[in-house]
């Protein structure tokens, strides 16, 4: 009877992912979460730029450049604007 319990324990251990596999899966999901945070931050920054009103030409030019940078970074991350 003791052998039956041991063999089930061994089967369960073999079915569970190893530490390296679990770490790889965790790293992939961590990278995906990081990418999603970057996208959310860039979208927020883009919206703040669009909401900013100014009549000063230099400020408007700086905002336009910042908007283009945000949109370029979003495009690199696979997001369309």
PDB file of N, CA and C in Angstrom:
ATOM      1  N   UNK A   1       0.815  -1.187   0.000  1.00  0.00           N
ATOM      2  CA  UNK A   1       0.000   0.000   0.000  1.00  0.00           C
ATOM      3  C   UNK A   1       0.861   1.255   0.000  1.00  0.00           C
ATOM      4  N   UNK A   2       1.970   1.217   0.664  1.00  0.00           N
ATOM      5  CA  UNK A   2       2.843   2.380   0.691  1.00  0.00           C
ATOM      6  C   UNK A   2       3.397   2.683  -0.692  1.00  0.00           C
ATOM      7  N   UNK A   3       3.641   1.637  -1.461  1.00  0.00           N
ATOM      8  CA  UNK A   3       4.161   1.858  -2.811  1.00  0.00           C
ATOM      9  C   UNK A   3       3.134   2.563  -3.697  1.00  0.00           C
ATOM     10  N   UNK A   4       1.886   2.276  -3.509  1.00  0.00           N
ATOM     11  CA  UNK A   4       0.848   2.931  -4.296  1.00  0.00           C
ATOM     12  C   UNK A   4       0.829   4.430  -4.060  1.00  0.00           C
ATOM     13  N   UNK A   5       0.964   4.820  -2.818  1.00  0.00           N
ATOM     14  CA  UNK A   5       0.993   6.246  -2.500  1.00  0.00           C
ATOM     15  C   UNK A   5       2.239   6.893  -3.077  1.00  0.00           C
ATOM     16  N   UNK A   6       3.366   6.195  -2.984  1.00  0.00           N
ATOM     17  CA  UNK A   6       4.609   6.757  -3.515  1.00  0.00           C
ATOM     18  C   UNK A   6       4.534   6.928  -5.018  1.00  0.00           C
ATOM     19  N   UNK A   7       3.972   5.970  -5.718  1.00  0.00           N
ATOM     20  CA  UNK A   7       3.912   6.071  -7.176  1.00  0.00           C
ATOM     21  C   UNK A   7       2.993   7.216  -7.591  1.00  0.00           C
ATOM     22  N   UNK A   8       1.917   7.437  -6.859  1.00  0.00           N
ATOM     23  CA  UNK A   8       1.050   8.569  -7.184  1.00  0.00           C
ATOM     24  C   UNK A   8       1.769   9.884  -6.946  1.00  0.00           C
ATOM     25  N   UNK A   9       2.555   9.943  -5.903  1.00  0.00           N
ATOM     26  CA  UNK A   9       3.316  11.158  -5.624  1.00  0.00           C
ATOM     27  C   UNK A   9       4.318  11.428  -6.745  1.00  0.00           C
ATOM     28  N   UNK A  10       4.961  10.379  -7.218  1.00  0.00           N
ATOM     29  CA  UNK A  10       5.931  10.533  -8.308  1.00  0.00           C
ATOM     30  C   UNK A  10       5.223  10.993  -9.568  1.00  0.00           C
ATOM     31  N   UNK A  11       4.051  10.424  -9.854  1.00  0.00           N
ATOM     32  CA  UNK A  11       3.285  10.843 -11.034  1.00  0.00           C
ATOM     33  C   UNK A  11       2.902  12.311 -10.941  1.00  0.00           C
ATOM     34  N   UNK A  12       2.473  12.728  -9.774  1.00  0.00           N
ATOM     35  CA  UNK A  12       2.093  14.133  -9.604  1.00  0.00           C
ATOM     36  C   UNK A  12       3.287  15.050  -9.798  1.00  0.00           C
ATOM     37  N   UNK A  13       4.439  14.645  -9.294  1.00  0.00           N
ATOM     38  CA  UNK A  13       5.637  15.462  -9.447  1.00  0.00           C
ATOM     39  C   UNK A  13       6.055  15.541 -10.908  1.00  0.00           C
ATOM     40  N   UNK A  14       5.875  14.462 -11.650  1.00  0.00           N
ATOM     41  CA  UNK A  14       6.250  14.463 -13.056  1.00  0.00           C
ATOM     42  C   UNK A  14       5.308  15.330 -13.882  1.00  0.00           C
ATOM     43  N   UNK A  15       4.036  15.403 -13.468  1.00  0.00           N
ATOM     44  CA  UNK A  15       3.066  16.212 -14.189  1.00  0.00           C
ATOM     45  C   UNK A  15       3.243  17.699 -13.927  1.00  0.00           C
ATOM     46  N   UNK A  16       3.763  18.058 -12.769  1.00  0.00           N
ATOM     47  CA  UNK A  16       3.950  19.471 -12.429  1.00  0.00           C
ATOM     48  C   UNK A  16       5.111  20.038 -13.234  1.00  0.00           C
ATOM     49  N   UNK A  17       5.002  21.302 -13.655  1.00  0.00           N
ATOM     50  CA  UNK A  17       6.120  21.908 -14.393  1.00  0.00           C
ATOM     51  C   UNK A  17       7.340  22.047 -13.494  1.00  0.00           C
ATOM     52  N   UNK A  18       8.484  21.912 -14.101  1.00  0.00           N
ATOM     53  CA  UNK A  18       9.710  22.065 -13.335  1.00  0.00           C
ATOM     54  C   UNK A  18       9.910  23.530 -12.993  1.00  0.00           C
ATOM     55  N   UNK A  19      10.855  23.799 -12.139  1.00  0.00           N
ATOM     56  CA  UNK A  19      11.118  25.182 -11.738  1.00  0.00           C
ATOM     57  C   UNK A  19      11.487  26.058 -12.923  1.00  0.00           C
ATOM     58  N   UNK A  20      12.264  25.527 -13.866  1.00  0.00           N
ATOM     59  CA  UNK A  20      12.681  26.303 -15.037  1.00  0.00           C
ATOM     60  C   UNK A  20      11.483  26.614 -15.927  1.00  0.00           C
ATOM     61  N   UNK A  21      10.604  25.619 -16.118  1.00  0.00           N
ATOM     62  CA  UNK A  21       9.418  25.851 -16.945  1.00  0.00           C
ATOM     63  C   UNK A  21       8.488  26.870 -16.292  1.00  0.00           C
ATOM     64  N   UNK A  22       8.309  26.760 -15.001  1.00  0.00           N
ATOM     65  CA  UNK A  22       7.450  27.701 -14.290  1.00  0.00           C
ATOM     66  C   UNK A  22       8.042  29.103 -14.323  1.00  0.00           C
ATOM     67  N   UNK A  23       9.349  29.199 -14.174  1.00  0.00           N
ATOM     68  CA  UNK A  23      10.004  30.502 -14.217  1.00  0.00           C
ATOM     69  C   UNK A  23       9.883  31.123 -15.603  1.00  0.00           C
ATOM     70  N   UNK A  24      10.011  30.304 -16.640  1.00  0.00           N
ATOM     71  CA  UNK A  24       9.888  30.817 -18.007  1.00  0.00           C
ATOM     72  C   UNK A  24       8.471  31.323 -18.257  1.00  0.00           C
ATOM     73  N   UNK A  25       7.482  30.587 -17.775  1.00  0.00           N
ATOM     74  CA  UNK A  25       6.102  31.023 -17.941  1.00  0.00           C
ATOM     75  C   UNK A  25       5.850  32.298 -17.149  1.00  0.00           C
ATOM     76  N   UNK A  26       6.404  32.383 -15.942  1.00  0.00           N
ATOM     77  CA  UNK A  26       6.244  33.585 -15.130  1.00  0.00           C
ATOM     78  C   UNK A  26       6.936  34.782 -15.747  1.00  0.00           C
ATOM     79  N   UNK A  27       8.106  34.548 -16.348  1.00  0.00           N
ATOM     80  CA  UNK A  27       8.835  35.638 -16.989  1.00  0.00           C
ATOM     81  C   UNK A  27       8.075  36.144 -18.201  1.00  0.00           C
ATOM     82  N   UNK A  28       7.495  35.233 -18.958  1.00  0.00           N
ATOM     83  CA  UNK A  28       6.728  35.640 -20.137  1.00  0.00           C
ATOM     84  C   UNK A  28       5.523  36.470 -19.720  1.00  0.00           C
ATOM     85  N   UNK A  29       4.840  36.050 -18.677  1.00  0.00           N
ATOM     86  CA  UNK A  29       3.678  36.813 -18.249  1.00  0.00           C
ATOM     87  C   UNK A  29       4.112  38.140 -17.613  1.00  0.00           C
ATOM     88  N   UNK A  30       5.259  38.157 -16.962  1.00  0.00           N
ATOM     89  CA  UNK A  30       5.769  39.409 -16.397  1.00  0.00           C
ATOM     90  C   UNK A  30       6.123  40.381 -17.513  1.00  0.00           C
ATOM     91  N   UNK A  31       6.711  39.865 -18.587  1.00  0.00           N
ATOM     92  CA  UNK A  31       7.039  40.718 -19.734  1.00  0.00           C
ATOM     93  C   UNK A  31       5.768  41.261 -20.371  1.00  0.00           C
ATOM     94  N   UNK A  32       4.746  40.427 -20.458  1.00  0.00           N
ATOM     95  CA  UNK A  32       3.481  40.865 -21.042  1.00  0.00           C
ATOM     96  C   UNK A  32       2.825  41.936 -20.175  1.00  0.00           C
ATOM     97  N   UNK A  33       2.871  41.757 -18.851  1.00  0.00           N
ATOM     98  CA  UNK A  33       2.309  42.779 -17.952  1.00  0.00           C
ATOM     99  C   UNK A  33       3.073  44.087 -18.086  1.00  0.00           C
ATOM    100  N   UNK A  34       4.395  43.994 -18.204  1.00  0.00           N
ATOM    101  CA  UNK A  34       5.222  45.192 -18.367  1.00  0.00           C
ATOM    102  C   UNK A  34       4.851  45.907 -19.667  1.00  0.00           C
ATOM    103  N   UNK A  35       4.685  45.146 -20.733  1.00  0.00           N
ATOM    104  CA  UNK A  35       4.313  45.733 -22.024  1.00  0.00           C
ATOM    105  C   UNK A  35       2.952  46.415 -21.933  1.00  0.00           C
ATOM    106  N   UNK A  36       1.999  45.782 -21.258  1.00  0.00           N
ATOM    107  CA  UNK A  36       0.674  46.380 -21.111  1.00  0.00           C
ATOM    108  C   UNK A  36       0.725  47.665 -20.289  1.00  0.00           C
ATOM    109  N   UNK A  37       1.573  47.707 -19.262  1.00  0.00           N
ATOM    110  CA  UNK A  37       1.734  48.938 -18.472  1.00  0.00           C
ATOM    111  C   UNK A  37       2.335  50.048 -19.331  1.00  0.00           C
ATOM    112  N   UNK A  38       3.329  49.702 -20.151  1.00  0.00           N
ATOM    113  CA  UNK A  38       3.928  50.703 -21.045  1.00  0.00           C
ATOM    114  C   UNK A  38       2.885  51.263 -21.998  1.00  0.00           C
ATOM    115  N   UNK A  39       2.087  50.385 -22.568  1.00  0.00           N
ATOM    116  CA  UNK A  39       1.051  50.820 -23.504  1.00  0.00           C
ATOM    117  C   UNK A  39       0.044  51.728 -22.809  1.00  0.00           C
ATOM    118  N   UNK A  40      -0.392  51.343 -21.621  1.00  0.00           N
ATOM    119  CA  UNK A  40      -1.359  52.163 -20.891  1.00  0.00           C
ATOM    120  C   UNK A  40      -0.777  53.532 -20.560  1.00  0.00           C
ATOM    121  N   UNK A  41       0.484  53.569 -20.144  1.00  0.00           N
ATOM    122  CA  UNK A  41       1.132  54.844 -19.821  1.00  0.00           C
ATOM    123  C   UNK A  41       1.265  55.717 -21.058  1.00  0.00           C
ATOM    124  N   UNK A  42       1.640  55.124 -22.180  1.00  0.00           N
ATOM    125  CA  UNK A  42       1.774  55.905 -23.414  1.00  0.00           C
ATOM    126  C   UNK A  42       0.424  56.425 -23.894  1.00  0.00           C
ATOM    127  N   UNK A  43      -0.620  55.624 -23.767  1.00  0.00           N
ATOM    128  CA  UNK A  43      -1.949  56.078 -24.167  1.00  0.00           C
ATOM    129  C   UNK A  43      -2.427  57.223 -23.276  1.00  0.00           C
ATOM    130  N   UNK A  44      -2.129  57.132 -21.986  1.00  0.00           N
ATOM    131  CA  UNK A  44      -2.484  58.206 -21.072  1.00  0.00           C
ATOM    132  C   UNK A  44      -1.711  59.479 -21.412  1.00  0.00           C
ATOM    133  N   UNK A  45      -0.422  59.332 -21.660  1.00  0.00           N
ATOM    134  CA  UNK A  45       0.406  60.485 -22.015  1.00  0.00           C
ATOM    135  C   UNK A  45      -0.099  61.126 -23.309  1.00  0.00           C
ATOM    136  N   UNK A  46      -0.461  60.287 -24.284  1.00  0.00           N
ATOM    137  CA  UNK A  46      -0.976  60.792 -25.560  1.00  0.00           C
ATOM    138  C   UNK A  46      -2.268  61.577 -25.343  1.00  0.00           C
ATOM    139  N   UNK A  47      -3.160  61.048 -24.510  1.00  0.00           N
ATOM    140  CA  UNK A  47      -4.418  61.737 -24.251  1.00  0.00           C
ATOM    141  C   UNK A  47      -4.190  63.067 -23.527  1.00  0.00           C
ATOM    142  N   UNK A  48      -3.249  63.097 -22.599  1.00  0.00           N
ATOM    143  CA  UNK A  48      -2.934  64.346 -21.905  1.00  0.00           C
ATOM    144  C   UNK A  48      -2.392  65.389 -22.877  1.00  0.00           C
ATOM    145  N   UNK A  49      -1.571  64.950 -23.809  1.00  0.00           N
ATOM    146  CA  UNK A  49      -1.032  65.880 -24.813  1.00  0.00           C
ATOM    147  C   UNK A  49      -2.164  66.428 -25.665  1.00  0.00           C
ATOM    148  N   UNK A  50      -3.073  65.542 -26.089  1.00  0.00           N
ATOM    149  CA  UNK A  50      -4.192  65.992 -26.925  1.00  0.00           C
ATOM    150  C   UNK A  50      -5.120  66.938 -26.176  1.00  0.00           C
ATOM    151  N   UNK A  51      -5.235  66.774 -24.872  1.00  0.00           N
ATOM    152  CA  UNK A  51      -6.116  67.625 -24.074  1.00  0.00           C
ATOM    153  C   UNK A  51      -5.500  68.985 -23.747  1.00  0.00           C
ATOM    154  N   UNK A  52      -4.191  69.118 -23.942  1.00  0.00           N
ATOM    155  CA  UNK A  52      -3.509  70.364 -23.605  1.00  0.00           C
ATOM    156  C   UNK A  52      -3.808  71.419 -24.668  1.00  0.00           C
ATOM    157  N   UNK A  53      -4.236  72.578 -24.213  1.00  0.00           N
ATOM    158  CA  UNK A  53      -4.531  73.708 -25.109  1.00  0.00           C
ATOM    159  C   UNK A  53      -3.462  74.775 -24.921  1.00  0.00           C
ATOM    160  N   UNK A  54      -2.917  75.257 -26.027  1.00  0.00           N
ATOM    161  CA  UNK A  54      -1.929  76.330 -25.955  1.00  0.00           C
ATOM    162  C   UNK A  54      -1.955  77.136 -27.244  1.00  0.00           C
ATOM    163  N   UNK A  55      -1.611  78.384 -27.130  1.00  0.00           N
ATOM    164  CA  UNK A  55      -1.529  79.237 -28.311  1.00  0.00           C
ATOM    165  C   UNK A  55      -0.086  79.618 -28.619  1.00  0.00           C
ATOM    166  N   UNK A  56       0.831  79.255 -27.736  1.00  0.00           N
ATOM    167  CA  UNK A  56       2.239  79.588 -27.930  1.00  0.00           C
ATOM    168  C   UNK A  56       2.842  78.633 -28.967  1.00  0.00           C
ATOM    169  N   UNK A  57       3.439  79.176 -30.043  1.00  0.00           N
ATOM    170  CA  UNK A  57       3.956  78.330 -31.129  1.00  0.00           C
ATOM    171  C   UNK A  57       5.045  77.346 -30.680  1.00  0.00           C
ATOM    172  N   UNK A  58       5.921  77.766 -29.803  1.00  0.00           N
ATOM    173  CA  UNK A  58       6.994  76.872 -29.356  1.00  0.00           C
ATOM    174  C   UNK A  58       6.418  75.728 -28.526  1.00  0.00           C
ATOM    175  N   UNK A  59       5.469  76.047 -27.677  1.00  0.00           N
ATOM    176  CA  UNK A  59       4.834  75.009 -26.847  1.00  0.00           C
ATOM    177  C   UNK A  59       4.041  74.050 -27.722  1.00  0.00           C
ATOM    178  N   UNK A  60       3.337  74.595 -28.711  1.00  0.00           N
ATOM    179  CA  UNK A  60       2.557  73.754 -29.619  1.00  0.00           C
ATOM    180  C   UNK A  60       3.476  72.802 -30.390  1.00  0.00           C
ATOM    181  N   UNK A  61       4.622  73.322 -30.823  1.00  0.00           N
ATOM    182  CA  UNK A  61       5.590  72.493 -31.537  1.00  0.00           C
ATOM    183  C   UNK A  61       6.132  71.371 -30.647  1.00  0.00           C
ATOM    184  N   UNK A  62       6.412  71.688 -29.393  1.00  0.00           N
ATOM    185  CA  UNK A  62       6.910  70.678 -28.459  1.00  0.00           C
ATOM    186  C   UNK A  62       5.845  69.609 -28.206  1.00  0.00           C
ATOM    187  N   UNK A  63       4.587  70.038 -28.079  1.00  0.00           N
ATOM    188  CA  UNK A  63       3.505  69.082 -27.880  1.00  0.00           C
ATOM    189  C   UNK A  63       3.317  68.187 -29.105  1.00  0.00           C
ATOM    190  N   UNK A  64       3.449  68.776 -30.290  1.00  0.00           N
ATOM    191  CA  UNK A  64       3.317  67.986 -31.513  1.00  0.00           C
ATOM    192  C   UNK A  64       4.422  66.929 -31.598  1.00  0.00           C
ATOM    193  N   UNK A  65       5.636  67.307 -31.224  1.00  0.00           N
ATOM    194  CA  UNK A  65       6.756  66.360 -31.233  1.00  0.00           C
ATOM    195  C   UNK A  65       6.541  65.252 -30.196  1.00  0.00           C
ATOM    196  N   UNK A  66       6.051  65.622 -29.027  1.00  0.00           N
ATOM    197  CA  UNK A  66       5.785  64.629 -27.986  1.00  0.00           C
ATOM    198  C   UNK A  66       4.682  63.672 -28.433  1.00  0.00           C
ATOM    199  N   UNK A  67       3.659  64.188 -29.113  1.00  0.00           N
ATOM    200  CA  UNK A  67       2.587  63.354 -29.621  1.00  0.00           C
ATOM    201  C   UNK A  67       3.113  62.362 -30.658  1.00  0.00           C
ATOM    202  N   UNK A  68       3.951  62.836 -31.555  1.00  0.00           N
ATOM    203  CA  UNK A  68       4.550  61.954 -32.559  1.00  0.00           C
ATOM    204  C   UNK A  68       5.408  60.878 -31.909  1.00  0.00           C
ATOM    205  N   UNK A  69       6.150  61.240 -30.869  1.00  0.00           N
ATOM    206  CA  UNK A  69       6.973  60.256 -30.155  1.00  0.00           C
ATOM    207  C   UNK A  69       6.101  59.186 -29.503  1.00  0.00           C
ATOM    208  N   UNK A  70       5.033  59.603 -28.851  1.00  0.00           N
ATOM    209  CA  UNK A  70       4.121  58.644 -28.214  1.00  0.00           C
ATOM    210  C   UNK A  70       3.522  57.699 -29.247  1.00  0.00           C
ATOM    211  N   UNK A  71       3.080  58.241 -30.358  1.00  0.00           N
ATOM    212  CA  UNK A  71       2.466  57.416 -31.388  1.00  0.00           C
ATOM    213  C   UNK A  71       3.477  56.457 -32.018  1.00  0.00           C
ATOM    214  N   UNK A  72       4.721  56.899 -32.147  1.00  0.00           N
ATOM    215  CA  UNK A  72       5.777  56.034 -32.696  1.00  0.00           C
ATOM    216  C   UNK A  72       6.049  54.879 -31.731  1.00  0.00           C
ATOM    217  N   UNK A  73       6.138  55.178 -30.443  1.00  0.00           N
ATOM    218  CA  UNK A  73       6.385  54.142 -29.435  1.00  0.00           C
ATOM    219  C   UNK A  73       5.205  53.162 -29.362  1.00  0.00           C
ATOM    220  N   UNK A  74       3.993  53.677 -29.429  1.00  0.00           N
ATOM    221  CA  UNK A  74       2.825  52.798 -29.430  1.00  0.00           C
ATOM    222  C   UNK A  74       2.836  51.881 -30.657  1.00  0.00           C
ATOM    223  N   UNK A  75       3.213  52.444 -31.804  1.00  0.00           N
ATOM    224  CA  UNK A  75       3.313  51.638 -33.019  1.00  0.00           C
ATOM    225  C   UNK A  75       4.364  50.546 -32.881  1.00  0.00           C
ATOM    226  N   UNK A  76       5.463  50.863 -32.237  1.00  0.00           N
ATOM    227  CA  UNK A  76       6.514  49.862 -32.022  1.00  0.00           C
ATOM    228  C   UNK A  76       6.046  48.751 -31.096  1.00  0.00           C
ATOM    229  N   UNK A  77       5.116  49.068 -30.195  1.00  0.00           N
ATOM    230  CA  UNK A  77       4.576  48.072 -29.278  1.00  0.00           C
ATOM    231  C   UNK A  77       3.374  47.336 -29.877  1.00  0.00           C
ATOM    232  N   UNK A  78       3.029  47.665 -31.114  1.00  0.00           N
ATOM    233  CA  UNK A  78       1.948  46.971 -31.787  1.00  0.00           C
ATOM    234  C   UNK A  78       0.576  47.567 -31.576  1.00  0.00           C
ATOM    235  N   UNK A  79       0.509  48.786 -31.119  1.00  0.00           N
ATOM    236  CA  UNK A  79      -0.773  49.458 -30.878  1.00  0.00           C
ATOM    237  C   UNK A  79      -1.034  50.476 -31.975  1.00  0.00           C
ATOM    238  N   UNK A  80      -2.258  50.519 -32.448  1.00  0.00           N
ATOM    239  CA  UNK A  80      -2.625  51.542 -33.417  1.00  0.00           C
ATOM    240  C   UNK A  80      -3.303  52.683 -32.690  1.00  0.00           C
ATOM    241  N   UNK A  81      -3.139  53.870 -33.218  1.00  0.00           N
ATOM    242  CA  UNK A  81      -3.732  55.050 -32.585  1.00  0.00           C
ATOM    243  C   UNK A  81      -4.789  55.639 -33.455  1.00  0.00           C
TER     244      UNK A  81
END
